[in-house]
């Protein structure tokens, strides 16, 4: 079961465009898949590997992102973005990211 979405809103003020984005990822692991393997001792290692692989699909993440675009010339813009990523998924950690770049249009 997967559901992923994001929603972005922004408003232009002259040559500045501030934006805000909210995103969510919620993927449930199919825990019944490893149970399909027969309970044969020789397959225990395979079953453990399959269980790890299946559980790695479980994700429960959200993020907020705040950005600003500055059109400082007719064909050039500076963009900057800050993102706060939070997770409820075991084994993953919360994180912050900052990005910036120049956009050229020819």
Foldseek 3Di string as FASTA:
>chain_A
DKDKDKDKDWDDDDQKIKMKMKIWIFFDFPQCVLVVDDPDVVCPVVSVVVNVVRLVRGWTKMKMKIKMWGCPDPFKIKIKMKMWMCTPRPPDHTDIDIDIDMGGDD
